[in-house]
Amino acid sequence: ENSGMVFHRLNATTASLQDVKDIANQTNNVFGSGGILLYLDEIQYFNKKQQQSLLEYMEDGRITLIASTTENPFFYIYNSILSRSAVFEFKSVTKEDMIPALKRGLDILNDEQKKTITASENALMQIAKCASGDVRRALNTLENVYMTADSEITQELIDSFVPEVSSVYDKHGDSHYDMLSALQKSIRGSDPDAAVFYLAKLLAMGDIISVCRRLLVIASEDVGCAYP
């Protein structure tokens, strides 16, 4: 008899509701008698109906769900699932905490390529700074720079690989609307320096339509109300 939970993993970008049903049906046999632990990656790609169906299996105890998403769960996850779950936020990794991963990455590359390319602490820190808290991005940069280095990864070489604008920005995500909101609140608060700062950040990210639209809103909601 197997009393332990059976682990399954699905990705919502490719999984269907039938896949979930097939997994849930395993609880009817001896192998799933201890219940199912389902890890569902990118849960935001499941629509409301699919998420509601998941809820049914969570309610009757057949499935214990662990889900992950890169989006704000309070916008994308069905409320009834959220109310039955604990939400954990994974923070961006600090520059200092990236250094051990970059050192391991360099050792692995040297081992694979049969080379002894070096990188100073400052060079690794420079890569970490450009990664905006994303270790995967830092390791990708390290690998690209490594493949063109002769004997040492220099800061000049890193500069040639890192784009001028490297901060995390999603035109349709929270950070986009946070920045537009910061622009509007800066103007509302009569802070020209802050307004120009957020305007410059938005323009540097290549967005102008949203800025123009928001300025029209500001003219109506803020300036118009203050000085009709």
C-alpha atoms as a PDB file:
ATOM      1  CA  GLU A   1       0.000   0.000   0.000  1.00  0.00           C
ATOM      2  CA  ASN A   2       1.295   3.442  -0.905  1.00  0.00           C
ATOM      3  CA  SER A   3       0.203   5.980   1.710  1.00  0.00           C
ATOM      4  CA  GLY A   4       2.384   8.830   0.425  1.00  0.00           C
ATOM      5  CA  MET A   5       1.246  11.584  -1.915  1.00  0.00           C
ATOM      6  CA  VAL A   6       1.909  11.239  -5.637  1.00  0.00           C
ATOM      7  CA  PHE A   7       3.619  14.270  -7.199  1.00  0.00           C
ATOM      8  CA  HIS A   8       2.622  15.617 -10.616  1.00  0.00           C
ATOM      9  CA  ARG A   9       3.735  18.702 -12.502  1.00  0.00           C
ATOM     10  CA  LEU A  10       1.830  20.589 -15.205  1.00  0.00           C
ATOM     11  CA  ASN A  11       2.426  23.831 -17.073  1.00  0.00           C
ATOM     12  CA  ALA A  12      -0.767  25.806 -17.687  1.00  0.00           C
ATOM     13  CA  THR A  13       0.537  27.096 -21.035  1.00  0.00           C
ATOM     14  CA  THR A  14       0.194  23.580 -22.480  1.00  0.00           C
ATOM     15  CA  ALA A  15      -2.023  21.663 -20.023  1.00  0.00           C
ATOM     16  CA  SER A  16      -5.770  21.208 -20.452  1.00  0.00           C
ATOM     17  CA  LEU A  17      -8.548  20.595 -17.959  1.00  0.00           C
ATOM     18  CA  GLN A  18      -8.561  16.978 -19.093  1.00  0.00           C
ATOM     19  CA  ASP A  19      -4.954  16.636 -17.900  1.00  0.00           C
ATOM     20  CA  VAL A  20      -6.053  17.787 -14.445  1.00  0.00           C
ATOM     21  CA  LYS A  21      -9.021  15.382 -14.490  1.00  0.00           C
ATOM     22  CA  ASP A  22      -6.768  12.478 -15.476  1.00  0.00           C
ATOM     23  CA  ILE A  23      -4.497  13.247 -12.535  1.00  0.00           C
ATOM     24  CA  ALA A  24      -7.439  13.619 -10.118  1.00  0.00           C
ATOM     25  CA  ASN A  25      -8.861  10.268 -11.280  1.00  0.00           C
ATOM     26  CA  GLN A  26      -5.701   8.547 -10.060  1.00  0.00           C
ATOM     27  CA  THR A  27      -7.003   8.971  -6.509  1.00  0.00           C
ATOM     28  CA  ASN A  28      -9.480   6.210  -7.328  1.00  0.00           C
ATOM     29  CA  ASN A  29      -6.700   3.613  -7.482  1.00  0.00           C
ATOM     30  CA  VAL A  30      -4.245   2.334  -4.901  1.00  0.00           C
ATOM     31  CA  PHE A  31      -1.337   4.421  -6.226  1.00  0.00           C
ATOM     32  CA  GLY A  32      -3.142   7.686  -5.544  1.00  0.00           C
ATOM     33  CA  SER A  33      -4.668   6.642  -2.232  1.00  0.00           C
ATOM     34  CA  GLY A  34      -2.528   9.140  -0.327  1.00  0.00           C
ATOM     35  CA  GLY A  35      -3.730  12.019  -2.480  1.00  0.00           C
ATOM     36  CA  ILE A  36      -2.150  14.056  -5.260  1.00  0.00           C
ATOM     37  CA  LEU A  37       0.344  16.898  -4.926  1.00  0.00           C
ATOM     38  CA  LEU A  38       0.039  18.947  -8.117  1.00  0.00           C
ATOM     39  CA  TYR A  39       2.512  21.671  -9.049  1.00  0.00           C
ATOM     40  CA  LEU A  40       0.919  23.932 -11.673  1.00  0.00           C
ATOM     41  CA  ASP A  41       3.321  26.404 -13.256  1.00  0.00           C
ATOM     42  CA  GLU A  42       2.084  29.609 -14.974  1.00  0.00           C
ATOM     43  CA  ILE A  43      -1.395  29.198 -13.460  1.00  0.00           C
ATOM     44  CA  GLN A  44      -2.455  32.573 -14.922  1.00  0.00           C
ATOM     45  CA  TYR A  45      -2.928  30.818 -18.280  1.00  0.00           C
ATOM     46  CA  PHE A  46      -5.838  28.814 -16.854  1.00  0.00           C
ATOM     47  CA  ASN A  47      -9.079  30.709 -17.462  1.00  0.00           C
ATOM     48  CA  LYS A  48     -11.741  31.232 -14.795  1.00  0.00           C
ATOM     49  CA  LYS A  49     -13.643  28.044 -15.677  1.00  0.00           C
ATOM     50  CA  GLN A  50     -10.482  25.936 -15.562  1.00  0.00           C
ATOM     51  CA  GLN A  51      -9.501  27.440 -12.218  1.00  0.00           C
ATOM     52  CA  GLN A  52     -13.001  26.788 -10.838  1.00  0.00           C
ATOM     53  CA  SER A  53     -12.679  23.132 -11.838  1.00  0.00           C
ATOM     54  CA  LEU A  54      -9.372  22.943  -9.975  1.00  0.00           C
ATOM     55  CA  LEU A  55     -11.194  24.259  -6.927  1.00  0.00           C
ATOM     56  CA  GLU A  56     -13.535  21.251  -6.957  1.00  0.00           C
ATOM     57  CA  TYR A  57     -10.584  18.868  -6.580  1.00  0.00           C
ATOM     58  CA  MET A  58      -9.002  21.052  -3.888  1.00  0.00           C
ATOM     59  CA  GLU A  59     -12.311  21.123  -1.963  1.00  0.00           C
ATOM     60  CA  ASP A  60     -12.754  17.358  -1.817  1.00  0.00           C
ATOM     61  CA  GLY A  61      -9.095  16.862  -0.848  1.00  0.00           C
ATOM     62  CA  ARG A  62      -8.078  14.854  -3.889  1.00  0.00           C
ATOM     63  CA  ILE A  63      -5.529  17.450  -4.996  1.00  0.00           C
ATOM     64  CA  THR A  64      -3.167  19.577  -2.941  1.00  0.00           C
ATOM     65  CA  LEU A  65      -2.226  22.444  -5.226  1.00  0.00           C
ATOM     66  CA  ILE A  66       1.040  24.358  -5.415  1.00  0.00           C
ATOM     67  CA  ALA A  67       0.900  26.970  -8.169  1.00  0.00           C
ATOM     68  CA  SER A  68       3.302  29.622  -9.418  1.00  0.00           C
ATOM     69  CA  THR A  69       2.845  32.729 -11.538  1.00  0.00           C
ATOM     70  CA  THR A  70       4.942  35.673 -12.675  1.00  0.00           C
ATOM     71  CA  GLU A  71       1.839  37.889 -12.583  1.00  0.00           C
ATOM     72  CA  ASN A  72       0.079  39.504  -9.645  1.00  0.00           C
ATOM     73  CA  PRO A  73      -2.017  36.612  -8.241  1.00  0.00           C
ATOM     74  CA  PHE A  74      -4.686  39.006  -6.923  1.00  0.00           C
ATOM     75  CA  PHE A  75      -5.441  40.004 -10.525  1.00  0.00           C
ATOM     76  CA  TYR A  76      -5.094  36.650 -12.267  1.00  0.00           C
ATOM     77  CA  ILE A  77      -6.136  33.950  -9.795  1.00  0.00           C
ATOM     78  CA  TYR A  78      -9.748  33.098  -9.011  1.00  0.00           C
ATOM     79  CA  ASN A  79     -10.679  34.526  -5.594  1.00  0.00           C
ATOM     80  CA  SER A  80     -11.981  31.238  -4.195  1.00  0.00           C
ATOM     81  CA  ILE A  81      -8.602  29.599  -4.873  1.00  0.00           C
ATOM     82  CA  LEU A  82      -6.767  32.513  -3.251  1.00  0.00           C
ATOM     83  CA  SER A  83      -8.956  32.378  -0.142  1.00  0.00           C
ATOM     84  CA  ARG A  84      -8.008  28.719   0.333  1.00  0.00           C
ATOM     85  CA  SER A  85      -4.304  29.275  -0.304  1.00  0.00           C
ATOM     86  CA  ALA A  86      -1.254  30.850   1.254  1.00  0.00           C
ATOM     87  CA  VAL A  87       0.401  33.384  -1.062  1.00  0.00           C
ATOM     88  CA  PHE A  88       4.188  33.704  -0.988  1.00  0.00           C
ATOM     89  CA  GLU A  89       6.020  36.447  -2.886  1.00  0.00           C
ATOM     90  CA  PHE A  90       9.477  35.647  -4.227  1.00  0.00           C
ATOM     91  CA  LYS A  91      11.598  38.789  -4.037  1.00  0.00           C
ATOM     92  CA  SER A  92      14.261  39.837  -6.522  1.00  0.00           C
ATOM     93  CA  VAL A  93      17.705  38.459  -5.665  1.00  0.00           C
ATOM     94  CA  THR A  94      20.216  41.009  -4.335  1.00  0.00           C
ATOM     95  CA  LYS A  95      23.441  41.703  -6.250  1.00  0.00           C
ATOM     96  CA  GLU A  96      25.483  40.244  -3.409  1.00  0.00           C
ATOM     97  CA  ASP A  97      23.463  37.012  -3.352  1.00  0.00           C
ATOM     98  CA  MET A  98      23.994  36.544  -7.098  1.00  0.00           C
ATOM     99  CA  ILE A  99      27.787  36.400  -6.793  1.00  0.00           C
ATOM    100  CA  PRO A 100      27.983  32.748  -5.554  1.00  0.00           C
ATOM    101  CA  ALA A 101      25.746  31.645  -8.457  1.00  0.00           C
ATOM    102  CA  LEU A 102      27.924  33.534 -10.947  1.00  0.00           C
ATOM    103  CA  LYS A 103      31.077  31.971  -9.484  1.00  0.00           C
ATOM    104  CA  ARG A 104      29.536  28.498  -9.799  1.00  0.00           C
ATOM    105  CA  GLY A 105      28.497  29.326 -13.358  1.00  0.00           C
ATOM    106  CA  LEU A 106      32.044  30.398 -14.225  1.00  0.00           C
ATOM    107  CA  ASP A 107      33.468  27.180 -12.746  1.00  0.00           C
ATOM    108  CA  ILE A 108      30.992  25.074 -14.743  1.00  0.00           C
ATOM    109  CA  LEU A 109      31.827  26.939 -17.976  1.00  0.00           C
ATOM    110  CA  ASN A 110      35.564  26.505 -17.394  1.00  0.00           C
ATOM    111  CA  ASP A 111      35.022  22.814 -16.696  1.00  0.00           C
ATOM    112  CA  GLU A 112      32.903  22.325 -19.835  1.00  0.00           C
ATOM    113  CA  GLN A 113      35.151  24.359 -22.134  1.00  0.00           C
ATOM    114  CA  LYS A 114      38.427  23.106 -20.607  1.00  0.00           C
ATOM    115  CA  LYS A 115      39.557  26.718 -20.065  1.00  0.00           C
ATOM    116  CA  THR A 116      40.700  28.842 -17.131  1.00  0.00           C
ATOM    117  CA  ILE A 117      39.002  32.165 -17.824  1.00  0.00           C
ATOM    118  CA  THR A 118      38.894  34.431 -14.787  1.00  0.00           C
ATOM    119  CA  ALA A 119      36.595  37.232 -13.624  1.00  0.00           C
ATOM    120  CA  SER A 120      37.241  39.718 -10.840  1.00  0.00           C
ATOM    121  CA  GLU A 121      34.747  40.328  -8.042  1.00  0.00           C
ATOM    122  CA  ASN A 122      34.026  43.752  -9.577  1.00  0.00           C
ATOM    123  CA  ALA A 123      33.293  42.213 -12.980  1.00  0.00           C
ATOM    124  CA  LEU A 124      30.875  39.688 -11.463  1.00  0.00           C
ATOM    125  CA  MET A 125      29.228  42.472  -9.462  1.00  0.00           C
ATOM    126  CA  GLN A 126      28.785  44.453 -12.682  1.00  0.00           C
ATOM    127  CA  ILE A 127      26.973  41.503 -14.279  1.00  0.00           C
ATOM    128  CA  ALA A 128      24.805  41.164 -11.165  1.00  0.00           C
ATOM    129  CA  LYS A 129      23.917  44.875 -11.190  1.00  0.00           C
ATOM    130  CA  CYS A 130      22.699  44.670 -14.793  1.00  0.00           C
ATOM    131  CA  ALA A 131      20.441  41.663 -14.084  1.00  0.00           C
ATOM    132  CA  SER A 132      17.748  43.606 -12.194  1.00  0.00           C
ATOM    133  CA  GLY A 133      17.401  40.901  -9.549  1.00  0.00           C
ATOM    134  CA  ASP A 134      17.070  38.025 -12.057  1.00  0.00           C
ATOM    135  CA  VAL A 135      19.716  35.299 -11.596  1.00  0.00           C
ATOM    136  CA  ARG A 136      18.821  33.641 -14.908  1.00  0.00           C
ATOM    137  CA  ARG A 137      19.480  36.906 -16.746  1.00  0.00           C
ATOM    138  CA  ALA A 138      22.821  37.275 -14.933  1.00  0.00           C
ATOM    139  CA  LEU A 139      23.895  33.737 -15.903  1.00  0.00           C
ATOM    140  CA  ASN A 140      22.886  34.326 -19.540  1.00  0.00           C
ATOM    141  CA  THR A 141      25.036  37.470 -19.609  1.00  0.00           C
ATOM    142  CA  LEU A 142      27.928  35.592 -18.007  1.00  0.00           C
ATOM    143  CA  GLU A 143      27.732  32.838 -20.629  1.00  0.00           C
ATOM    144  CA  ASN A 144      27.638  35.307 -23.536  1.00  0.00           C
ATOM    145  CA  VAL A 145      30.584  37.292 -22.207  1.00  0.00           C
ATOM    146  CA  TYR A 146      32.516  34.106 -21.405  1.00  0.00           C
ATOM    147  CA  MET A 147      32.286  32.841 -24.989  1.00  0.00           C
ATOM    148  CA  THR A 148      34.042  35.956 -26.322  1.00  0.00           C
ATOM    149  CA  ALA A 149      36.627  36.421 -23.549  1.00  0.00           C
ATOM    150  CA  ASP A 150      40.270  35.557 -24.132  1.00  0.00           C
ATOM    151  CA  SER A 151      41.612  34.914 -20.646  1.00  0.00           C
ATOM    152  CA  GLU A 152      39.645  37.283 -18.436  1.00  0.00           C
ATOM    153  CA  ILE A 153      36.096  38.646 -18.331  1.00  0.00           C
ATOM    154  CA  THR A 154      36.664  42.389 -18.184  1.00  0.00           C
ATOM    155  CA  GLN A 155      34.273  45.193 -17.311  1.00  0.00           C
ATOM    156  CA  GLU A 156      34.721  46.656 -20.818  1.00  0.00           C
ATOM    157  CA  LEU A 157      33.641  43.342 -22.345  1.00  0.00           C
ATOM    158  CA  ILE A 158      30.571  43.212 -20.097  1.00  0.00           C
ATOM    159  CA  ASP A 159      29.606  46.760 -21.158  1.00  0.00           C
ATOM    160  CA  SER A 160      29.521  45.672 -24.795  1.00  0.00           C
ATOM    161  CA  PHE A 161      27.011  42.901 -23.998  1.00  0.00           C
ATOM    162  CA  VAL A 162      24.633  44.677 -21.635  1.00  0.00           C
ATOM    163  CA  PRO A 163      21.847  46.722 -23.260  1.00  0.00           C
ATOM    164  CA  GLU A 164      21.646  50.377 -22.339  1.00  0.00           C
ATOM    165  CA  VAL A 165      18.193  49.840 -20.820  1.00  0.00           C
ATOM    166  CA  SER A 166      18.240  46.663 -18.757  1.00  0.00           C
ATOM    167  CA  SER A 167      15.642  47.206 -16.045  1.00  0.00           C
ATOM    168  CA  VAL A 168      12.689  44.849 -15.758  1.00  0.00           C
ATOM    169  CA  TYR A 169       9.736  46.300 -17.639  1.00  0.00           C
ATOM    170  CA  ASP A 170       6.543  44.775 -18.923  1.00  0.00           C
ATOM    171  CA  LYS A 171       4.312  47.016 -21.040  1.00  0.00           C
ATOM    172  CA  HIS A 172       1.213  45.159 -19.857  1.00  0.00           C
ATOM    173  CA  GLY A 173       2.343  44.327 -16.297  1.00  0.00           C
ATOM    174  CA  ASP A 174       2.135  45.947 -12.884  1.00  0.00           C
ATOM    175  CA  SER A 175       5.398  47.913 -13.236  1.00  0.00           C
ATOM    176  CA  HIS A 176       4.032  49.702 -16.322  1.00  0.00           C
ATOM    177  CA  TYR A 177       0.920  50.940 -14.524  1.00  0.00           C
ATOM    178  CA  ASP A 178       2.878  51.692 -11.339  1.00  0.00           C
ATOM    179  CA  MET A 179       5.160  54.009 -13.325  1.00  0.00           C
ATOM    180  CA  LEU A 180       2.252  55.739 -15.100  1.00  0.00           C
ATOM    181  CA  SER A 181       0.559  56.154 -11.722  1.00  0.00           C
ATOM    182  CA  ALA A 182       3.766  57.610 -10.261  1.00  0.00           C
ATOM    183  CA  LEU A 183       3.893  60.116 -13.139  1.00  0.00           C
ATOM    184  CA  GLN A 184       0.295  61.181 -12.494  1.00  0.00           C
ATOM    185  CA  LYS A 185       0.745  61.436  -8.705  1.00  0.00           C
ATOM    186  CA  SER A 186       3.949  63.477  -9.172  1.00  0.00           C
ATOM    187  CA  ILE A 187       2.083  66.027 -11.296  1.00  0.00           C
ATOM    188  CA  ARG A 188      -0.848  65.985  -8.873  1.00  0.00           C
ATOM    189  CA  GLY A 189       1.589  66.660  -6.032  1.00  0.00           C
ATOM    190  CA  SER A 190       3.252  69.532  -7.962  1.00  0.00           C
ATOM    191  CA  ASP A 191       6.655  67.775  -7.987  1.00  0.00           C
ATOM    192  CA  PRO A 192       8.218  68.613 -11.401  1.00  0.00           C
ATOM    193  CA  ASP A 193      11.468  66.721 -10.733  1.00  0.00           C
ATOM    194  CA  ALA A 194       9.641  63.489  -9.924  1.00  0.00           C
ATOM    195  CA  ALA A 195       7.296  63.963 -12.905  1.00  0.00           C
ATOM    196  CA  VAL A 196      10.204  64.381 -15.335  1.00  0.00           C
ATOM    197  CA  PHE A 197      11.992  61.400 -13.745  1.00  0.00           C
ATOM    198  CA  TYR A 198       9.071  59.005 -14.318  1.00  0.00           C
ATOM    199  CA  LEU A 199       8.384  60.482 -17.756  1.00  0.00           C
ATOM    200  CA  ALA A 200      12.027  59.871 -18.726  1.00  0.00           C
ATOM    201  CA  LYS A 201      11.868  56.270 -17.459  1.00  0.00           C
ATOM    202  CA  LEU A 202       8.726  55.554 -19.493  1.00  0.00           C
ATOM    203  CA  LEU A 203      10.189  57.113 -22.646  1.00  0.00           C
ATOM    204  CA  ALA A 204      13.502  55.285 -22.170  1.00  0.00           C
ATOM    205  CA  MET A 205      11.555  52.019 -22.147  1.00  0.00           C
ATOM    206  CA  GLY A 206      10.156  52.905 -25.577  1.00  0.00           C
ATOM    207  CA  ASP A 207       6.621  53.795 -24.530  1.00  0.00           C
ATOM    208  CA  ILE A 208       5.011  57.026 -25.731  1.00  0.00           C
ATOM    209  CA  ILE A 209       1.367  56.153 -26.518  1.00  0.00           C
ATOM    210  CA  SER A 210       0.553  55.277 -22.895  1.00  0.00           C
ATOM    211  CA  VAL A 211       2.282  58.468 -21.747  1.00  0.00           C
ATOM    212  CA  CYS A 212       0.227  60.645 -24.144  1.00  0.00           C
ATOM    213  CA  ARG A 213      -2.959  58.894 -23.043  1.00  0.00           C
ATOM    214  CA  ARG A 214      -2.123  59.398 -19.371  1.00  0.00           C
ATOM    215  CA  LEU A 215      -1.313  63.106 -19.939  1.00  0.00           C
ATOM    216  CA  LEU A 216      -4.812  63.546 -21.374  1.00  0.00           C
ATOM    217  CA  VAL A 217      -6.207  61.874 -18.253  1.00  0.00           C
ATOM    218  CA  ILE A 218      -4.083  64.169 -16.049  1.00  0.00           C
ATOM    219  CA  ALA A 219      -5.290  67.252 -17.959  1.00  0.00           C
ATOM    220  CA  SER A 220      -8.879  66.205 -17.272  1.00  0.00           C
ATOM    221  CA  GLU A 221      -8.702  64.628 -13.800  1.00  0.00           C
ATOM    222  CA  ASP A 222      -5.979  66.675 -12.099  1.00  0.00           C
ATOM    223  CA  VAL A 223      -5.162  69.945 -13.848  1.00  0.00           C
ATOM    224  CA  GLY A 224      -8.749  70.503 -15.006  1.00  0.00           C
ATOM    225  CA  CYS A 225     -10.134  69.957 -11.532  1.00  0.00           C
ATOM    226  CA  ALA A 226      -7.547  72.207  -9.910  1.00  0.00           C
ATOM    227  CA  TYR A 227      -7.786  75.030 -12.462  1.00  0.00           C
ATOM    228  CA  PRO A 228     -11.081  74.628 -14.353  1.00  0.00           C
END
